[in-house]
PDB file of N, CA and C in Angstrom:
ATOM      1  N   UNK A   1       4.089   0.732 -21.523  1.00  0.00           N
ATOM      2  CA  UNK A   1       2.366   0.342 -21.677  1.00  0.00           C
ATOM      3  C   UNK A   1       1.700  -0.619 -22.427  1.00  0.00           C
ATOM      4  N   UNK A   2       2.558  -1.042 -23.067  1.00  0.00           N
ATOM      5  CA  UNK A   2       1.740  -2.711 -23.944  1.00  0.00           C
ATOM      6  C   UNK A   2       1.698  -3.345 -22.179  1.00  0.00           C
ATOM      7  N   UNK A   3       2.596  -3.637 -21.818  1.00  0.00           N
ATOM      8  CA  UNK A   3       2.388  -4.872 -20.762  1.00  0.00           C
ATOM      9  C   UNK A   3       1.105  -4.592 -19.923  1.00  0.00           C
ATOM     10  N   UNK A   4       1.109  -3.024 -19.730  1.00  0.00           N
ATOM     11  CA  UNK A   4       0.031  -2.730 -18.846  1.00  0.00           C
ATOM     12  C   UNK A   4      -1.642  -3.410 -19.181  1.00  0.00           C
ATOM     13  N   UNK A   5      -1.377  -3.402 -20.362  1.00  0.00           N
ATOM     14  CA  UNK A   5      -2.487  -3.087 -21.468  1.00  0.00           C
ATOM     15  C   UNK A   5      -2.391  -5.057 -21.917  1.00  0.00           C
ATOM     16  N   UNK A   6      -1.572  -6.061 -21.776  1.00  0.00           N
ATOM     17  CA  UNK A   6      -2.100  -7.578 -21.416  1.00  0.00           C
ATOM     18  C   UNK A   6      -2.446  -8.113 -20.171  1.00  0.00           C
ATOM     19  N   UNK A   7      -2.201  -7.401 -19.251  1.00  0.00           N
ATOM     20  CA  UNK A   7      -2.590  -8.168 -17.971  1.00  0.00           C
ATOM     21  C   UNK A   7      -3.558  -7.272 -17.423  1.00  0.00           C
ATOM     22  N   UNK A   8      -4.025  -5.812 -17.916  1.00  0.00           N
ATOM     23  CA  UNK A   8      -5.361  -5.381 -18.173  1.00  0.00           C
ATOM     24  C   UNK A   8      -6.316  -7.053 -18.514  1.00  0.00           C
ATOM     25  N   UNK A   9      -5.984  -7.423 -20.082  1.00  0.00           N
ATOM     26  CA  UNK A   9      -6.899  -8.423 -20.907  1.00  0.00           C
ATOM     27  C   UNK A   9      -6.960  -9.471 -20.416  1.00  0.00           C
ATOM     28  N   UNK A  10      -5.542  -9.719 -19.597  1.00  0.00           N
ATOM     29  CA  UNK A  10      -5.625 -11.397 -18.483  1.00  0.00           C
ATOM     30  C   UNK A  10      -6.608 -10.920 -17.477  1.00  0.00           C
ATOM     31  N   UNK A  11      -6.430 -10.189 -16.715  1.00  0.00           N
ATOM     32  CA  UNK A  11      -8.032  -9.715 -15.849  1.00  0.00           C
ATOM     33  C   UNK A  11      -8.768 -10.124 -15.999  1.00  0.00           C
ATOM     34  N   UNK A  12      -9.418  -9.278 -17.001  1.00  0.00           N
ATOM     35  CA  UNK A  12     -10.758  -9.117 -17.441  1.00  0.00           C
ATOM     36  C   UNK A  12     -10.901 -10.795 -17.964  1.00  0.00           C
ATOM     37  N   UNK A  13     -10.081 -11.620 -18.427  1.00  0.00           N
ATOM     38  CA  UNK A  13     -10.788 -13.054 -18.696  1.00  0.00           C
ATOM     39  C   UNK A  13     -10.967 -13.561 -17.446  1.00  0.00           C
ATOM     40  N   UNK A  14     -10.206 -13.530 -17.001  1.00  0.00           N
ATOM     41  CA  UNK A  14      -9.579 -14.229 -15.704  1.00  0.00           C
ATOM     42  C   UNK A  14     -11.176 -13.817 -14.355  1.00  0.00           C
ATOM     43  N   UNK A  15     -11.584 -12.588 -14.868  1.00  0.00           N
ATOM     44  CA  UNK A  15     -12.838 -11.794 -13.699  1.00  0.00           C
ATOM     45  C   UNK A  15     -14.407 -12.535 -14.685  1.00  0.00           C
ATOM     46  N   UNK A  16     -14.204 -12.266 -15.882  1.00  0.00           N
ATOM     47  CA  UNK A  16     -15.019 -13.628 -17.222  1.00  0.00           C
ATOM     48  C   UNK A  16     -15.410 -15.352 -17.051  1.00  0.00           C
ATOM     49  N   UNK A  17     -13.950 -15.502 -16.074  1.00  0.00           N
ATOM     50  CA  UNK A  17     -14.284 -16.856 -16.462  1.00  0.00           C
ATOM     51  C   UNK A  17     -14.932 -17.444 -14.241  1.00  0.00           C
ATOM     52  N   UNK A  18     -14.519 -16.195 -13.479  1.00  0.00           N
ATOM     53  CA  UNK A  18     -14.707 -15.571 -12.268  1.00  0.00           C
ATOM     54  C   UNK A  18     -16.197 -16.150 -12.210  1.00  0.00           C
ATOM     55  N   UNK A  19     -16.941 -15.717 -12.664  1.00  0.00           N
ATOM     56  CA  UNK A  19     -18.068 -14.931 -12.718  1.00  0.00           C
ATOM     57  C   UNK A  19     -19.070 -16.258 -12.977  1.00  0.00           C
ATOM     58  N   UNK A  20     -18.364 -16.580 -14.870  1.00  0.00           N
ATOM     59  CA  UNK A  20     -19.228 -17.568 -15.080  1.00  0.00           C
ATOM     60  C   UNK A  20     -19.110 -18.725 -14.017  1.00  0.00           C
ATOM     61  N   UNK A  21     -18.045 -19.104 -12.853  1.00  0.00           N
ATOM     62  CA  UNK A  21     -18.196 -20.546 -12.478  1.00  0.00           C
ATOM     63  C   UNK A  21     -19.198 -20.590 -11.267  1.00  0.00           C
ATOM     64  N   UNK A  22     -19.576 -18.721 -10.892  1.00  0.00           N
ATOM     65  CA  UNK A  22     -20.486 -18.989  -9.867  1.00  0.00           C
ATOM     66  C   UNK A  22     -21.429 -19.725 -10.047  1.00  0.00           C
ATOM     67  N   UNK A  23     -21.866 -20.136  -8.763  1.00  0.00           N
ATOM     68  CA  UNK A  23     -22.968 -20.863  -8.974  1.00  0.00           C
ATOM     69  C   UNK A  23     -24.072 -20.465  -8.485  1.00  0.00           C
ATOM     70  N   UNK A  24     -25.476 -20.189  -9.150  1.00  0.00           N
ATOM     71  CA  UNK A  24     -26.947 -19.881  -9.064  1.00  0.00           C
ATOM     72  C   UNK A  24     -27.316 -19.994  -7.550  1.00  0.00           C
ATOM     73  N   UNK A  25     -28.415 -18.051  -7.714  1.00  0.00           N
ATOM     74  CA  UNK A  25     -28.956 -18.193  -6.247  1.00  0.00           C
ATOM     75  C   UNK A  25     -29.923 -18.889  -6.875  1.00  0.00           C
ATOM     76  N   UNK A  26     -31.234 -19.745  -5.797  1.00  0.00           N
ATOM     77  CA  UNK A  26     -32.571 -19.974  -5.660  1.00  0.00           C
ATOM     78  C   UNK A  26     -33.354 -19.311  -6.887  1.00  0.00           C
ATOM     79  N   UNK A  27     -33.251 -18.323  -6.558  1.00  0.00           N
ATOM     80  CA  UNK A  27     -33.938 -17.246  -7.727  1.00  0.00           C
ATOM     81  C   UNK A  27     -33.338 -16.972  -9.109  1.00  0.00           C
ATOM     82  N   UNK A  28     -33.381 -17.673  -9.839  1.00  0.00           N
ATOM     83  CA  UNK A  28     -32.515 -18.026 -10.924  1.00  0.00           C
ATOM     84  C   UNK A  28     -32.478 -16.432 -12.266  1.00  0.00           C
ATOM     85  N   UNK A  29     -33.763 -15.632 -12.338  1.00  0.00           N
ATOM     86  CA  UNK A  29     -33.659 -14.540 -13.279  1.00  0.00           C
ATOM     87  C   UNK A  29     -34.058 -13.018 -12.282  1.00  0.00           C
ATOM     88  N   UNK A  30     -33.915 -13.317 -10.907  1.00  0.00           N
ATOM     89  CA  UNK A  30     -33.916 -12.383  -9.982  1.00  0.00           C
ATOM     90  C   UNK A  30     -33.505 -11.397  -9.775  1.00  0.00           C
ATOM     91  N   UNK A  31     -31.991 -12.116  -9.884  1.00  0.00           N
ATOM     92  CA  UNK A  31     -30.990 -10.550  -9.187  1.00  0.00           C
ATOM     93  C   UNK A  31     -30.231  -9.877 -11.027  1.00  0.00           C
ATOM     94  N   UNK A  32     -30.923 -10.627 -11.750  1.00  0.00           N
ATOM     95  CA  UNK A  32     -31.322 -10.090 -13.358  1.00  0.00           C
ATOM     96  C   UNK A  32     -30.931  -8.213 -13.155  1.00  0.00           C
ATOM     97  N   UNK A  33     -32.434  -8.391 -12.534  1.00  0.00           N
ATOM     98  CA  UNK A  33     -33.568  -7.398 -12.201  1.00  0.00           C
ATOM     99  C   UNK A  33     -33.146  -6.404 -11.521  1.00  0.00           C
ATOM    100  N   UNK A  34     -32.429  -6.652 -10.690  1.00  0.00           N
ATOM    101  CA  UNK A  34     -32.607  -5.716  -9.439  1.00  0.00           C
ATOM    102  C   UNK A  34     -33.292  -6.221  -8.224  1.00  0.00           C
ATOM    103  N   UNK A  35     -33.829  -7.343  -8.257  1.00  0.00           N
ATOM    104  CA  UNK A  35     -34.416  -8.204  -6.900  1.00  0.00           C
ATOM    105  C   UNK A  35     -33.311  -8.734  -5.797  1.00  0.00           C
ATOM    106  N   UNK A  36     -33.438  -7.748  -5.138  1.00  0.00           N
ATOM    107  CA  UNK A  36     -32.493  -8.546  -4.125  1.00  0.00           C
ATOM    108  C   UNK A  36     -33.538  -8.923  -2.460  1.00  0.00           C
ATOM    109  N   UNK A  37     -32.453 -10.424  -2.371  1.00  0.00           N
ATOM    110  CA  UNK A  37     -33.402 -10.720  -0.861  1.00  0.00           C
ATOM    111  C   UNK A  37     -33.038 -10.092   0.427  1.00  0.00           C
ATOM    112  N   UNK A  38     -33.490 -10.346   1.561  1.00  0.00           N
ATOM    113  CA  UNK A  38     -32.548  -9.595   2.631  1.00  0.00           C
ATOM    114  C   UNK A  38     -31.419 -10.183   3.379  1.00  0.00           C
ATOM    115  N   UNK A  39     -31.102 -11.384   2.452  1.00  0.00           N
ATOM    116  CA  UNK A  39     -29.671 -11.917   2.861  1.00  0.00           C
ATOM    117  C   UNK A  39     -28.778 -11.586   1.627  1.00  0.00           C
ATOM    118  N   UNK A  40     -29.082 -10.804   0.715  1.00  0.00           N
ATOM    119  CA  UNK A  40     -28.232 -10.519  -0.114  1.00  0.00           C
ATOM    120  C   UNK A  40     -27.848  -8.831   0.439  1.00  0.00           C
ATOM    121  N   UNK A  41     -28.614  -8.216   0.842  1.00  0.00           N
ATOM    122  CA  UNK A  41     -28.054  -7.071   1.561  1.00  0.00           C
ATOM    123  C   UNK A  41     -27.421  -7.090   2.950  1.00  0.00           C
ATOM    124  N   UNK A  42     -27.605  -7.997   3.411  1.00  0.00           N
ATOM    125  CA  UNK A  42     -27.437  -7.952   4.629  1.00  0.00           C
ATOM    126  C   UNK A  42     -25.681  -9.302   5.104  1.00  0.00           C
ATOM    127  N   UNK A  43     -25.538  -9.492   4.178  1.00  0.00           N
ATOM    128  CA  UNK A  43     -24.163  -9.732   3.580  1.00  0.00           C
ATOM    129  C   UNK A  43     -23.004  -9.270   3.841  1.00  0.00           C
ATOM    130  N   UNK A  44     -21.548  -9.837   4.059  1.00  0.00           N
ATOM    131  CA  UNK A  44     -20.630  -9.356   4.338  1.00  0.00           C
ATOM    132  C   UNK A  44     -19.304  -9.895   3.714  1.00  0.00           C
ATOM    133  N   UNK A  45     -18.214  -9.072   2.856  1.00  0.00           N
ATOM    134  CA  UNK A  45     -17.699  -9.484   2.329  1.00  0.00           C
ATOM    135  C   UNK A  45     -16.960 -10.663   3.359  1.00  0.00           C
ATOM    136  N   UNK A  46     -16.863 -11.295   4.158  1.00  0.00           N
ATOM    137  CA  UNK A  46     -16.090 -12.399   4.966  1.00  0.00           C
ATOM    138  C   UNK A  46     -16.830 -13.291   5.090  1.00  0.00           C
ATOM    139  N   UNK A  47     -18.710 -13.390   4.555  1.00  0.00           N
ATOM    140  CA  UNK A  47     -19.803 -14.114   4.388  1.00  0.00           C
ATOM    141  C   UNK A  47     -19.784 -15.155   2.810  1.00  0.00           C
ATOM    142  N   UNK A  48     -18.544 -13.656   1.943  1.00  0.00           N
ATOM    143  CA  UNK A  48     -18.677 -14.651   0.561  1.00  0.00           C
ATOM    144  C   UNK A  48     -17.603 -15.800   0.533  1.00  0.00           C
ATOM    145  N   UNK A  49     -18.372 -16.562  -0.424  1.00  0.00           N
ATOM    146  CA  UNK A  49     -17.856 -17.594  -0.843  1.00  0.00           C
ATOM    147  C   UNK A  49     -15.636 -16.973  -1.257  1.00  0.00           C
ATOM    148  N   UNK A  50     -14.983 -18.050  -1.718  1.00  0.00           N
ATOM    149  CA  UNK A  50     -14.032 -17.580  -2.609  1.00  0.00           C
ATOM    150  C   UNK A  50     -13.818 -17.121  -3.741  1.00  0.00           C
ATOM    151  N   UNK A  51     -15.116 -18.083  -4.949  1.00  0.00           N
ATOM    152  CA  UNK A  51     -15.057 -16.931  -6.130  1.00  0.00           C
ATOM    153  C   UNK A  51     -15.968 -15.745  -5.977  1.00  0.00           C
ATOM    154  N   UNK A  52     -16.527 -15.650  -4.584  1.00  0.00           N
ATOM    155  CA  UNK A  52     -17.314 -13.961  -4.708  1.00  0.00           C
ATOM    156  C   UNK A  52     -15.945 -13.112  -4.357  1.00  0.00           C
ATOM    157  N   UNK A  53     -15.003 -13.761  -3.178  1.00  0.00           N
ATOM    158  CA  UNK A  53     -14.083 -12.627  -3.280  1.00  0.00           C
ATOM    159  C   UNK A  53     -13.186 -12.631  -4.473  1.00  0.00           C
ATOM    160  N   UNK A  54     -12.956 -13.726  -4.983  1.00  0.00           N
ATOM    161  CA  UNK A  54     -12.408 -13.083  -6.348  1.00  0.00           C
ATOM    162  C   UNK A  54     -12.335 -12.160  -7.230  1.00  0.00           C
ATOM    163  N   UNK A  55     -14.193 -12.428  -7.363  1.00  0.00           N
ATOM    164  CA  UNK A  55     -15.024 -11.651  -8.296  1.00  0.00           C
ATOM    165  C   UNK A  55     -14.830 -10.166  -7.904  1.00  0.00           C
ATOM    166  N   UNK A  56     -15.112  -9.904  -6.366  1.00  0.00           N
ATOM    167  CA  UNK A  56     -15.107  -8.838  -6.045  1.00  0.00           C
ATOM    168  C   UNK A  56     -13.157  -8.232  -6.092  1.00  0.00           C
ATOM    169  N   UNK A  57     -12.213  -8.921  -6.164  1.00  0.00           N
ATOM    170  CA  UNK A  57     -11.059  -8.534  -5.931  1.00  0.00           C
ATOM    171  C   UNK A  57     -10.716  -8.741  -7.304  1.00  0.00           C
ATOM    172  N   UNK A  58     -10.691  -8.881  -8.492  1.00  0.00           N
ATOM    173  CA  UNK A  58     -10.729  -8.853 -10.048  1.00  0.00           C
ATOM    174  C   UNK A  58     -11.296  -7.783  -9.931  1.00  0.00           C
ATOM    175  N   UNK A  59     -12.125  -7.189  -9.692  1.00  0.00           N
ATOM    176  CA  UNK A  59     -13.653  -6.879 -10.724  1.00  0.00           C
ATOM    177  C   UNK A  59     -12.874  -4.841  -9.942  1.00  0.00           C
ATOM    178  N   UNK A  60     -12.151  -5.045  -8.777  1.00  0.00           N
ATOM    179  CA  UNK A  60     -11.796  -3.622  -8.212  1.00  0.00           C
ATOM    180  C   UNK A  60     -10.261  -3.256  -9.273  1.00  0.00           C
ATOM    181  N   UNK A  61      -9.077  -4.481  -9.131  1.00  0.00           N
ATOM    182  CA  UNK A  61      -8.467  -4.076  -9.788  1.00  0.00           C
ATOM    183  C   UNK A  61      -8.590  -3.960 -10.885  1.00  0.00           C
ATOM    184  N   UNK A  62      -9.418  -4.481 -11.920  1.00  0.00           N
ATOM    185  CA  UNK A  62      -9.731  -4.010 -13.396  1.00  0.00           C
ATOM    186  C   UNK A  62     -10.628  -2.421 -13.157  1.00  0.00           C
ATOM    187  N   UNK A  63     -10.925  -1.920 -12.728  1.00  0.00           N
ATOM    188  CA  UNK A  63     -11.584  -0.483 -12.253  1.00  0.00           C
ATOM    189  C   UNK A  63     -10.606   0.028 -11.939  1.00  0.00           C
ATOM    190  N   UNK A  64      -9.982  -0.052 -11.142  1.00  0.00           N
ATOM    191  CA  UNK A  64      -8.338   0.635 -10.605  1.00  0.00           C
ATOM    192  C   UNK A  64      -7.645   0.877 -11.990  1.00  0.00           C
ATOM    193  N   UNK A  65      -7.664  -0.589 -12.911  1.00  0.00           N
ATOM    194  CA  UNK A  65      -6.346   0.370 -13.810  1.00  0.00           C
ATOM    195  C   UNK A  65      -6.775   0.309 -14.957  1.00  0.00           C
ATOM    196  N   UNK A  66      -8.219   0.420 -15.325  1.00  0.00           N
ATOM    197  CA  UNK A  66      -9.135   1.233 -15.926  1.00  0.00           C
ATOM    198  C   UNK A  66      -9.114   2.940 -16.416  1.00  0.00           C
ATOM    199  N   UNK A  67      -9.793   3.547 -14.692  1.00  0.00           N
ATOM    200  CA  UNK A  67      -9.490   4.933 -14.234  1.00  0.00           C
ATOM    201  C   UNK A  67      -7.995   5.002 -14.298  1.00  0.00           C
ATOM    202  N   UNK A  68      -6.493   4.031 -14.431  1.00  0.00           N
ATOM    203  CA  UNK A  68      -5.482   4.878 -14.098  1.00  0.00           C
ATOM    204  C   UNK A  68      -5.204   4.832 -16.013  1.00  0.00           C
ATOM    205  N   UNK A  69      -6.174   3.960 -16.976  1.00  0.00           N
ATOM    206  CA  UNK A  69      -5.732   3.924 -18.277  1.00  0.00           C
ATOM    207  C   UNK A  69      -6.138   5.219 -18.401  1.00  0.00           C
ATOM    208  N   UNK A  70      -7.242   5.351 -18.345  1.00  0.00           N
ATOM    209  CA  UNK A  70      -8.206   6.403 -18.751  1.00  0.00           C
ATOM    210  C   UNK A  70      -7.334   7.905 -18.469  1.00  0.00           C
ATOM    211  N   UNK A  71      -6.554   8.218 -16.790  1.00  0.00           N
ATOM    212  CA  UNK A  71      -6.193   9.244 -16.696  1.00  0.00           C
ATOM    213  C   UNK A  71      -5.012   9.994 -16.911  1.00  0.00           C
ATOM    214  N   UNK A  72      -4.236   8.380 -18.046  1.00  0.00           N
ATOM    215  CA  UNK A  72      -2.551   8.430 -18.583  1.00  0.00           C
ATOM    216  C   UNK A  72      -2.821   8.818 -19.713  1.00  0.00           C
ATOM    217  N   UNK A  73      -3.843   8.596 -20.556  1.00  0.00           N
ATOM    218  CA  UNK A  73      -3.968   8.481 -21.920  1.00  0.00           C
ATOM    219  C   UNK A  73      -4.804  10.125 -22.323  1.00  0.00           C
ATOM    220  N   UNK A  74      -5.070  10.609 -20.616  1.00  0.00           N
ATOM    221  CA  UNK A  74      -6.399  11.645 -21.350  1.00  0.00           C
ATOM    222  C   UNK A  74      -5.510  13.013 -21.199  1.00  0.00           C
TER     223      UNK A  74
END
């Protein structure tokens, strides 16, 4: 169990770093409050940059591991 917790901590640090290194969009604060452009709504996973794909992948892994820990410890 300890090894899985260490893996999750590493994944969370990598996820934070990937999000920090993503370039900003033109509307600096628009996305913070839910403002989306038409391009944001119509884009697909294949149109994402490498950092965008890594963000999606690490966030899904982090979420699945968190749910697994919750069910195991419940």
